[in-house]
N, C-alpha and C. Protein backbone atom coordinates (compact mmCIF):
# COMPACT_ATOMS: atom_id res chain seq x y z
N UNK A 1 -14.35 -21.77 -2.13
CA UNK A 1 -14.60 -20.47 -2.75
C UNK A 1 -12.57 -20.16 -1.94
N UNK A 2 -12.86 -20.37 -0.78
CA UNK A 2 -11.55 -19.80 -0.05
C UNK A 2 -10.52 -20.25 -1.01
N UNK A 3 -10.39 -21.11 -1.49
CA UNK A 3 -9.13 -21.63 -2.17
C UNK A 3 -9.28 -20.97 -3.40
N UNK A 4 -10.26 -20.75 -4.32
CA UNK A 4 -9.74 -19.60 -5.36
C UNK A 4 -9.16 -18.27 -4.69
N UNK A 5 -9.86 -17.97 -3.61
CA UNK A 5 -9.23 -16.40 -3.37
C UNK A 5 -7.81 -16.44 -2.73
N UNK A 6 -7.45 -17.81 -2.10
CA UNK A 6 -6.12 -17.88 -1.90
C UNK A 6 -5.06 -18.42 -3.14
N UNK A 7 -5.58 -18.46 -3.79
CA UNK A 7 -5.00 -18.53 -5.48
C UNK A 7 -4.65 -17.57 -5.96
N UNK A 8 -5.81 -16.81 -6.28
CA UNK A 8 -5.48 -15.61 -6.75
C UNK A 8 -4.91 -14.47 -6.23
N UNK A 9 -4.88 -14.58 -4.63
CA UNK A 9 -4.14 -13.54 -3.94
C UNK A 9 -2.67 -13.77 -4.33
N UNK A 10 -1.89 -15.72 -4.78
CA UNK A 10 -0.90 -15.86 -4.76
C UNK A 10 -0.77 -15.26 -6.12
N UNK A 11 -1.54 -15.14 -6.78
CA UNK A 11 -1.11 -14.77 -8.75
C UNK A 11 -0.82 -13.57 -8.56
N UNK A 12 -1.64 -12.83 -8.11
CA UNK A 12 -1.77 -10.79 -7.79
C UNK A 12 -0.10 -10.83 -7.17
N UNK A 13 -0.09 -11.51 -6.24
CA UNK A 13 1.21 -11.36 -5.45
C UNK A 13 3.01 -11.64 -6.26
N UNK A 14 2.30 -12.74 -6.89
CA UNK A 14 3.54 -13.43 -7.92
C UNK A 14 3.64 -12.19 -9.20
N UNK A 15 2.95 -11.97 -9.81
CA UNK A 15 2.73 -10.82 -11.00
C UNK A 15 3.36 -9.38 -10.06
N UNK A 16 2.75 -9.25 -9.36
CA UNK A 16 3.66 -8.06 -8.82
C UNK A 16 5.19 -7.55 -8.32
N UNK A 17 5.25 -9.01 -8.07
CA UNK A 17 6.81 -9.52 -7.68
C UNK A 17 7.51 -9.88 -8.85
N UNK A 18 6.62 -10.14 -9.82
CA UNK A 18 7.27 -10.53 -11.20
C UNK A 18 7.76 -9.29 -12.11
N UNK A 19 6.93 -8.27 -11.88
CA UNK A 19 7.19 -6.80 -13.16
C UNK A 19 8.20 -5.86 -12.17
N UNK A 20 8.50 -6.50 -11.07
CA UNK A 20 10.09 -5.82 -10.95
C UNK A 20 11.32 -6.46 -11.12
N UNK A 21 10.89 -7.67 -11.79
CA UNK A 21 11.90 -8.63 -12.67
C UNK A 21 12.27 -7.41 -14.21
N UNK A 22 13.39 -7.47 -13.93
CA UNK A 22 14.01 -6.35 -14.58
C UNK A 22 15.15 -5.66 -15.36
N UNK A 23 16.15 -5.69 -16.37
CA UNK A 23 17.44 -5.32 -16.18
C UNK A 23 17.89 -3.66 -16.57
N UNK A 24 16.69 -3.39 -17.07
CA UNK A 24 17.18 -1.92 -17.60
C UNK A 24 16.99 -0.94 -16.86
N UNK A 25 18.16 -0.20 -17.00
CA UNK A 25 17.87 0.71 -15.88
C UNK A 25 17.36 1.98 -16.31
N UNK A 26 16.17 2.92 -15.77
CA UNK A 26 15.83 3.68 -16.20
C UNK A 26 16.01 5.20 -15.02
N UNK A 27 15.71 6.25 -15.32
CA UNK A 27 15.57 7.27 -14.35
C UNK A 27 15.53 7.17 -13.00
N UNK A 28 13.81 6.59 -12.81
CA UNK A 28 12.85 5.85 -12.50
C UNK A 28 13.79 5.21 -11.47
N UNK A 29 14.67 4.21 -11.45
CA UNK A 29 15.34 3.32 -11.05
C UNK A 29 16.20 3.63 -10.01
N UNK A 30 16.46 4.67 -10.43
CA UNK A 30 17.96 5.71 -9.79
C UNK A 30 17.20 6.52 -8.59
N UNK A 31 16.13 6.88 -8.43
CA UNK A 31 15.33 7.50 -7.03
C UNK A 31 15.79 6.85 -6.30
N UNK A 32 15.83 7.62 -5.18
CA UNK A 32 16.55 7.55 -3.63
C UNK A 32 14.94 6.73 -2.88
N UNK A 33 14.33 5.71 -3.52
CA UNK A 33 13.48 4.98 -2.77
C UNK A 33 13.62 4.92 -1.10
N UNK A 34 12.23 4.98 -0.42
CA UNK A 34 12.64 5.18 0.56
C UNK A 34 13.36 5.77 1.65
N UNK A 35 13.51 7.08 1.32
CA UNK A 35 14.42 7.86 1.59
C UNK A 35 13.45 8.96 3.11
N UNK A 36 12.14 8.62 2.37
CA UNK A 36 11.56 9.28 3.87
C UNK A 36 9.78 9.05 3.14
N UNK A 37 9.09 8.95 4.36
CA UNK A 37 7.69 8.45 3.92
C UNK A 37 6.84 9.69 3.06
N UNK A 38 6.11 9.05 1.96
CA UNK A 38 5.55 9.32 0.29
C UNK A 38 4.61 10.29 1.20
N UNK A 39 3.82 11.19 0.77
CA UNK A 39 3.12 11.78 1.06
C UNK A 39 1.75 11.07 0.01
N UNK A 40 2.07 10.92 -1.27
CA UNK A 40 1.28 10.52 -2.14
C UNK A 40 1.24 9.11 -2.23
N UNK A 41 1.06 8.48 -1.59
CA UNK A 41 1.40 6.77 -1.45
C UNK A 41 0.34 6.07 0.22
N UNK A 42 -0.01 5.02 -0.56
CA UNK A 42 -0.71 4.82 0.90
C UNK A 42 0.19 4.37 2.19
N UNK A 43 -0.29 4.23 3.12
CA UNK A 43 0.36 4.21 4.38
C UNK A 43 -0.26 3.30 5.01
N UNK A 44 0.43 2.66 6.28
CA UNK A 44 0.05 1.85 7.22
C UNK A 44 0.87 2.57 8.34
N UNK A 45 -0.75 2.91 9.77
CA UNK A 45 0.00 2.86 10.65
C UNK A 45 0.18 2.01 11.73
N UNK A 46 1.34 1.41 12.67
CA UNK A 46 1.68 0.18 13.30
C UNK A 46 2.43 0.56 14.28
N UNK A 47 1.92 0.81 15.39
CA UNK A 47 1.87 0.57 16.73
C UNK A 47 2.79 2.13 16.80
N UNK A 48 1.64 3.05 16.11
CA UNK A 48 1.97 4.76 16.36
C UNK A 48 3.41 4.82 15.07
N UNK A 49 3.53 3.86 14.20
CA UNK A 49 4.58 4.41 13.80
C UNK A 49 4.16 4.02 12.11
N UNK A 50 4.20 5.28 11.11
CA UNK A 50 3.54 5.41 10.09
C UNK A 50 4.71 4.52 9.10
N UNK A 51 4.07 3.58 8.11
CA UNK A 51 5.14 2.47 7.39
C UNK A 51 4.67 2.54 5.85
N UNK A 52 5.37 3.00 4.73
CA UNK A 52 4.66 3.45 3.43
C UNK A 52 5.32 2.61 2.70
N UNK A 53 5.12 1.83 1.38
CA UNK A 53 5.87 1.17 0.97
C UNK A 53 6.93 1.72 0.16
N UNK A 54 8.11 0.96 0.04
CA UNK A 54 9.27 1.63 -0.41
C UNK A 54 9.86 1.74 0.44
N UNK A 55 9.61 1.94 1.81
CA UNK A 55 10.29 3.08 2.63
C UNK A 55 11.24 1.87 3.28
N UNK A 56 12.72 2.46 3.88
CA UNK A 56 13.45 1.64 4.60
C UNK A 56 13.50 1.01 5.24
N UNK A 57 13.51 -0.19 5.44
CA UNK A 57 12.88 -0.97 6.96
C UNK A 57 13.93 -0.59 8.29
N UNK A 58 15.01 -0.39 7.87
CA UNK A 58 16.06 -0.44 8.99
C UNK A 58 15.20 0.36 10.15
N UNK A 59 15.05 1.49 9.90
CA UNK A 59 14.44 2.74 11.07
C UNK A 59 13.21 1.84 11.49
N UNK A 60 12.62 1.64 10.46
CA UNK A 60 10.96 1.37 11.27
C UNK A 60 11.85 0.24 12.33
N UNK A 61 12.17 -0.92 11.93
CA UNK A 61 12.61 -2.14 12.74
C UNK A 61 12.87 -1.90 14.63
N UNK A 62 13.85 -0.16 14.42
CA UNK A 62 14.07 0.16 15.44
C UNK A 62 12.98 0.87 16.04
N UNK A 63 12.42 1.43 15.41
CA UNK A 63 10.86 1.51 15.95
C UNK A 63 10.33 0.97 16.58
N UNK A 64 9.71 0.32 15.95
CA UNK A 64 8.34 -1.20 16.12
C UNK A 64 9.22 -2.33 17.30
N UNK A 65 10.41 -2.11 17.45
CA UNK A 65 11.12 -2.68 17.87
C UNK A 65 10.90 -4.72 17.39
N UNK A 66 11.45 -5.68 17.99
CA UNK A 66 11.45 -6.79 17.45
C UNK A 66 10.25 -7.36 16.81
N UNK A 67 10.33 -8.19 15.78
CA UNK A 67 8.83 -8.94 15.05
C UNK A 67 8.26 -9.91 15.86
N UNK A 68 7.31 -10.08 16.28
CA UNK A 68 6.80 -11.52 17.08
C UNK A 68 6.94 -12.77 16.12
N UNK A 69 7.71 -12.22 14.84
CA UNK A 69 8.01 -13.54 13.84
C UNK A 69 8.70 -12.81 12.94
N UNK A 70 9.70 -13.86 12.32
CA UNK A 70 10.61 -13.17 11.19
C UNK A 70 11.31 -14.27 10.63
N UNK A 71 11.47 -13.91 9.19
CA UNK A 71 11.71 -15.04 8.51
C UNK A 71 12.79 -14.48 6.83
N UNK A 72 13.40 -14.90 6.93
CA UNK A 72 13.95 -14.69 5.06
C UNK A 72 14.23 -15.84 4.18
N UNK A 73 14.56 -15.49 3.59
CA UNK A 73 14.31 -16.31 1.97
C UNK A 73 14.87 -15.65 1.04
N UNK A 74 15.42 -16.46 0.11
CA UNK A 74 16.35 -15.81 -1.09
C UNK A 74 15.02 -14.97 -2.23
N UNK A 75 15.15 -14.13 -2.69
CA UNK A 75 14.37 -13.31 -3.57
C UNK A 75 13.88 -14.20 -4.54
N UNK A 76 13.16 -14.33 -5.52
CA UNK A 76 13.07 -14.37 -6.87
C UNK A 76 12.53 -13.76 -7.91
N UNK A 77 12.66 -11.98 -7.17
CA UNK A 77 12.22 -11.31 -7.99
C UNK A 77 13.66 -10.31 -7.60
N UNK A 78 14.02 -10.21 -6.91
CA UNK A 78 15.45 -9.32 -6.37
C UNK A 78 16.28 -9.43 -6.26
N UNK A 79 17.22 -9.38 -5.98
CA UNK A 79 18.69 -9.82 -5.98
C UNK A 79 19.16 -9.67 -4.51
N UNK A 80 19.10 -10.76 -3.67
CA UNK A 80 19.72 -10.70 -2.02
C UNK A 80 18.21 -11.30 -1.50
N UNK A 81 18.00 -11.01 -0.14
CA UNK A 81 16.96 -11.90 0.31
C UNK A 81 15.41 -10.95 0.88
N UNK A 82 14.40 -11.61 0.79
CA UNK A 82 13.40 -11.36 1.23
C UNK A 82 13.13 -11.63 2.37
N UNK A 83 12.48 -10.67 3.06
CA UNK A 83 12.75 -10.65 4.31
C UNK A 83 11.21 -10.58 5.07
N UNK A 84 10.63 -11.49 6.01
CA UNK A 84 9.17 -11.06 6.61
C UNK A 84 9.34 -10.94 8.24
N UNK A 85 8.63 -9.94 8.19
CA UNK A 85 8.35 -9.26 9.59
C UNK A 85 6.91 -9.46 10.00
N UNK A 86 6.87 -10.24 11.28
CA UNK A 86 5.06 -9.95 11.78
C UNK A 86 5.40 -9.64 12.92
N UNK A 87 4.18 -8.46 12.72
CA UNK A 87 3.95 -7.40 14.21
C UNK A 87 2.40 -8.51 14.77
N UNK A 88 1.93 -9.11 15.48
CA UNK A 88 0.62 -9.36 15.87
C UNK A 88 0.04 -9.52 14.34
N UNK A 89 -1.14 -8.85 13.88
CA UNK A 89 -1.91 -9.37 12.72
C UNK A 89 -1.22 -8.64 11.41
N UNK A 90 -0.44 -7.85 11.75
CA UNK A 90 0.54 -7.33 10.04
C UNK A 90 1.87 -7.89 10.31
N UNK A 91 1.72 -8.65 8.74
CA UNK A 91 3.32 -8.88 8.36
C UNK A 91 3.75 -8.24 7.26
N UNK A 92 4.86 -7.72 7.27
CA UNK A 92 5.85 -6.80 6.25
C UNK A 92 6.68 -7.69 6.17
N UNK A 93 6.64 -7.57 4.32
CA UNK A 93 7.86 -8.19 3.41
C UNK A 93 8.60 -7.09 2.98
N UNK A 94 9.76 -7.13 2.98
CA UNK A 94 10.63 -6.60 2.29
C UNK A 94 11.57 -7.00 1.01
N UNK A 95 11.57 -6.15 0.12
CA UNK A 95 13.15 -6.05 -0.70
C UNK A 95 14.01 -5.87 -0.78
N UNK A 96 15.20 -6.52 -1.44
CA UNK A 96 16.31 -6.05 -1.35
C UNK A 96 16.81 -4.98 -2.41
N UNK A 97 17.48 -4.11 -1.97
CA UNK A 97 18.02 -2.58 -2.83
C UNK A 97 19.08 -1.67 -2.87
N UNK A 98 20.13 -1.72 -3.31
CA UNK A 98 21.49 -1.55 -2.87
C UNK A 98 21.75 -1.71 -1.33
N UNK A 99 22.08 -2.32 -0.75
CA UNK A 99 22.19 -3.75 0.40
C UNK A 99 21.73 -2.96 1.37
N UNK A 100 20.19 -2.69 1.52
CA UNK A 100 18.90 -2.16 1.71
C UNK A 100 18.03 -2.81 1.37
N UNK A 101 17.02 -3.05 2.86
CA UNK A 101 15.29 -3.47 2.57
C UNK A 101 14.07 -2.47 2.76
N UNK A 102 13.82 -2.58 1.87
CA UNK A 102 12.55 -1.69 1.56
C UNK A 102 11.08 -2.45 1.67
N UNK A 103 9.88 -1.52 2.00
CA UNK A 103 8.91 -2.75 2.56
C UNK A 103 8.34 -2.52 1.07
N UNK A 104 7.74 -3.72 0.81
CA UNK A 104 7.85 -4.28 -0.11
C UNK A 104 6.29 -4.66 -0.48
N UNK A 105 5.29 -5.94 1.03
CA UNK A 105 4.16 -5.58 1.48
C UNK A 105 3.94 -5.39 2.48
N UNK A 106 2.74 -4.89 2.66
CA UNK A 106 1.99 -5.33 3.98
C UNK A 106 0.99 -5.75 4.02
N UNK A 107 0.46 -6.77 4.80
CA UNK A 107 -0.84 -7.56 4.88
C UNK A 107 -1.61 -7.70 6.76
N UNK A 108 -2.91 -7.30 6.14
CA UNK A 108 -3.50 -7.54 7.25
C UNK A 108 -4.30 -8.66 7.90
N UNK A 109 -3.53 -9.14 8.57
CA UNK A 109 -3.85 -10.91 8.69
C UNK A 109 -5.34 -11.13 9.20
N UNK A 110 -5.67 -10.53 9.96
CA UNK A 110 -7.36 -10.67 10.53
C UNK A 110 -8.10 -9.53 10.88
N UNK A 111 -9.18 -9.76 11.46
CA UNK A 111 -10.07 -8.33 11.72
C UNK A 111 -10.24 -8.28 13.34
N UNK A 112 -8.61 -8.25 13.96
CA UNK A 112 -8.21 -7.65 14.79
C UNK A 112 -7.65 -6.47 14.19
N UNK A 113 -7.44 -5.33 12.60
CA UNK A 113 -6.65 -4.66 12.43
C UNK A 113 -7.70 -4.31 11.62
N UNK A 114 -7.32 -2.93 10.89
CA UNK A 114 -8.08 -2.09 10.20
C UNK A 114 -6.82 -1.24 9.84
N UNK A 115 -7.35 -0.72 7.59
CA UNK A 115 -7.01 0.19 7.21
C UNK A 115 -7.07 1.51 8.09
N UNK A 116 -6.57 2.17 8.01
CA UNK A 116 -6.71 3.96 8.50
C UNK A 116 -8.31 4.58 8.14
N UNK A 117 -8.92 3.81 7.31
CA UNK A 117 -10.17 4.24 7.26
C UNK A 117 -11.59 3.49 7.52
N UNK A 118 -10.83 2.18 8.29
CA UNK A 118 -11.57 1.57 9.36
C UNK A 118 -12.12 0.41 8.33
N UNK A 119 -11.67 -0.36 7.60
CA UNK A 119 -11.73 -1.64 6.69
C UNK A 119 -11.18 -2.24 7.36
N UNK A 120 -12.08 -3.70 7.94
CA UNK A 120 -10.85 -4.28 8.13
C UNK A 120 -11.30 -5.93 7.42
N UNK A 121 -10.50 -6.84 7.76
CA UNK A 121 -11.81 -8.39 6.79
C UNK A 121 -12.85 -8.57 7.63
N UNK A 122 -13.41 -8.90 6.85
CA UNK A 122 -14.83 -9.21 7.30
C UNK A 122 -15.64 -7.98 6.65
N UNK A 123 -15.44 -6.69 6.64
CA UNK A 123 -15.85 -5.40 5.97
C UNK A 123 -16.78 -6.00 4.36
N UNK A 124 -17.63 -5.28 4.76
CA UNK A 124 -18.48 -5.54 2.96
C UNK A 124 -17.90 -4.73 1.82
N UNK A 125 -17.80 -5.12 0.85
CA UNK A 125 -17.79 -4.76 -0.64
C UNK A 125 -18.37 -3.21 -0.29
N UNK A 126 -19.72 -2.68 -0.18
CA UNK A 126 -20.12 -1.41 -0.11
C UNK A 126 -19.26 -0.63 0.75
N UNK A 127 -18.96 -0.70 2.40
CA UNK A 127 -18.30 0.00 2.66
C UNK A 127 -16.83 0.19 2.19
N UNK A 128 -16.50 -0.52 1.57
CA UNK A 128 -14.73 -0.32 1.00
C UNK A 128 -14.88 1.07 -0.40
N UNK A 129 -15.83 0.60 -0.88
CA UNK A 129 -16.49 1.89 -2.01
C UNK A 129 -16.77 2.82 -1.42
N UNK A 130 -17.57 2.60 0.03
CA UNK A 130 -17.91 3.90 0.57
C UNK A 130 -16.39 4.85 0.69
N UNK A 131 -15.73 4.30 1.32
CA UNK A 131 -14.35 4.81 1.98
C UNK A 131 -13.17 5.17 0.79
N UNK A 132 -13.22 4.14 0.00
CA UNK A 132 -12.13 4.48 -1.09
C UNK A 132 -12.80 4.90 -2.69
N UNK A 133 -14.12 5.23 -2.94
CA UNK A 133 -14.36 5.30 -4.59
C UNK A 133 -14.40 4.13 -5.19
N UNK A 134 -14.56 4.40 -6.64
CA UNK A 134 -14.19 3.55 -7.35
C UNK A 134 -12.81 3.39 -7.23
N UNK A 135 -12.77 1.34 -7.54
CA UNK A 135 -11.33 1.42 -7.71
C UNK A 135 -10.77 1.54 -8.92
N UNK A 136 -9.00 1.00 -8.98
CA UNK A 136 -8.60 1.72 -10.22
C UNK A 136 -8.67 0.47 -11.22
N UNK A 137 -8.34 -1.12 -10.72
CA UNK A 137 -9.29 -2.00 -11.02
C UNK A 137 -9.60 -2.50 -10.03
N UNK A 138 -10.64 -3.63 -10.97
CA UNK A 138 -11.66 -4.46 -10.51
C UNK A 138 -11.66 -5.50 -11.16
N UNK A 139 -12.25 -6.48 -10.03
CA UNK A 139 -13.04 -7.69 -10.96
C UNK A 139 -14.12 -8.38 -10.22
N UNK A 140 -14.96 -9.13 -10.12
CA UNK A 140 -16.03 -9.56 -9.34
C UNK A 140 -15.21 -10.00 -7.48
N UNK A 141 -14.43 -10.09 -7.42
CA UNK A 141 -13.58 -10.85 -6.61
C UNK A 141 -12.36 -10.07 -6.03
N UNK A 142 -12.35 -8.52 -6.61
CA UNK A 142 -11.34 -8.07 -6.31
C UNK A 142 -11.22 -6.62 -6.76
N UNK A 143 -10.96 -5.57 -5.25
CA UNK A 143 -10.78 -4.03 -6.00
C UNK A 143 -9.49 -3.66 -5.57
N UNK A 144 -8.71 -3.30 -6.48
CA UNK A 144 -7.11 -2.91 -6.53
C UNK A 144 -7.36 -1.04 -6.90
N UNK A 145 -6.62 -0.28 -5.84
CA UNK A 145 -6.57 1.04 -5.50
C UNK A 145 -4.95 1.40 -6.15
N UNK A 146 -4.49 2.03 -6.51
CA UNK A 146 -3.65 2.89 -6.61
C UNK A 146 -2.97 4.21 -6.58
N UNK A 147 -2.57 4.49 -5.65
CA UNK A 147 -1.65 5.96 -5.26
C UNK A 147 -0.24 6.03 -5.39
N UNK A 148 0.19 7.07 -6.45
CA UNK A 148 1.28 7.27 -6.15
C UNK A 148 2.30 6.03 -6.36
N UNK A 149 3.34 5.79 -5.74
CA UNK A 149 4.30 3.69 -6.01
C UNK A 149 3.70 2.82 -5.13
N UNK A 150 2.29 3.13 -4.60
CA UNK A 150 1.55 2.08 -4.50
C UNK A 150 0.32 1.39 -4.55
N UNK A 151 -0.13 0.40 -4.36
CA UNK A 151 -1.37 -0.19 -4.77
C UNK A 151 -1.69 -0.75 -3.27
N UNK A 152 -3.65 -0.53 -3.20
CA UNK A 152 -3.82 -1.35 -1.95
C UNK A 152 -4.68 -2.43 -2.36
N UNK A 153 -4.42 -3.93 -2.70
CA UNK A 153 -5.67 -4.67 -2.71
C UNK A 153 -7.44 -5.46 -1.74
N UNK A 154 -7.85 -5.52 -2.10
CA UNK A 154 -8.77 -5.88 -0.97
C UNK A 154 -9.58 -7.44 -2.20
N UNK A 155 -9.09 -8.26 -1.51
CA UNK A 155 -9.94 -9.75 -2.23
C UNK A 155 -11.41 -9.83 -1.69
N UNK A 156 -12.30 -10.63 -2.03
CA UNK A 156 -13.84 -10.83 -1.39
C UNK A 156 -14.12 -11.97 -1.30
N UNK A 157 -14.57 -12.46 -0.98
CA UNK A 157 -15.05 -13.91 -0.80
C UNK A 157 -17.00 -13.66 -0.72
N UNK A 158 -17.40 -13.53 -1.70
CA UNK A 158 -19.00 -12.70 -2.01
C UNK A 158 -18.90 -11.37 -1.42
N UNK A 159 -19.39 -10.74 -0.44
CA UNK A 159 -19.24 -9.19 -0.71
C UNK A 159 -18.29 -9.08 0.53
N UNK A 160 -18.47 -9.85 1.23
CA UNK A 160 -17.06 -9.76 2.18
C UNK A 160 -15.88 -9.52 2.11
N UNK A 161 -14.95 -8.81 2.67
CA UNK A 161 -13.49 -8.75 2.53
C UNK A 161 -12.81 -9.98 3.56
N UNK A 162 -11.86 -10.33 2.24
CA UNK A 162 -11.57 -11.77 2.97
C UNK A 162 -9.69 -11.46 2.96
N UNK A 163 -9.10 -10.39 2.08
CA UNK A 163 -8.04 -9.86 2.19
C UNK A 163 -7.48 -8.86 1.73
N UNK A 164 -6.80 -8.40 2.86
CA UNK A 164 -6.02 -6.84 2.49
C UNK A 164 -4.57 -6.78 2.52
N UNK A 165 -3.87 -6.14 1.35
CA UNK A 165 -2.38 -6.36 1.08
C UNK A 165 -2.59 -4.64 0.71
N UNK A 166 -1.18 -4.16 0.96
CA UNK A 166 -0.88 -2.77 0.72
C UNK A 166 0.70 -3.12 -0.17
N UNK A 167 0.85 -3.22 -1.35
CA UNK A 167 2.09 -3.42 -2.31
C UNK A 167 2.64 -2.27 -2.60
N UNK A 168 3.96 -2.09 -3.09
CA UNK A 168 4.70 -1.22 -3.74
C UNK A 168 5.11 -1.11 -5.10
N UNK A 169 5.15 -0.33 -5.28
CA UNK A 169 5.46 -0.61 -7.02
C UNK A 169 6.39 -0.20 -7.33
N UNK A 170 7.08 -0.95 -7.97
CA UNK A 170 8.65 -0.80 -7.61
C UNK A 170 9.72 -0.38 -9.25
N UNK A 171 8.48 -0.72 -10.10
CA UNK A 171 8.98 0.02 -11.81
C UNK A 171 8.94 1.18 -11.77
């Protein structure tokens, strides 16, 4: 079952990254993403620093300090390098745009961290519904909530949360 959940999570992340691939430029592409924390989007508080999807990562790194682990690789969805910063049990992935790096995903890695609403890995499906309401999209094994230019995904193993990922919507 965990193998199936892992595969589903990988597929969801791949699909969301691939939707960013496109060459048609629109007025939405010209918006200044990452210029400030957006009020109408999911945010995550990490070490007292509010992190929002599509936010410029450079000032965040200055506030958060050195990551416990850092990795970069060529991006398959964007021009440039994807960068991964791990702070304790939180992993932040960025995407490159206009010579800057923007927050693309925030993944909560274990039950020592939780969403601002108190949901962590191991929480039950009913608690997610009580805190977040009806999901924008759902399956038997996942709930996806959309807010502004972000989404929050919960993957379930039975009735327990097994994965929590915030994603930027970049299109």
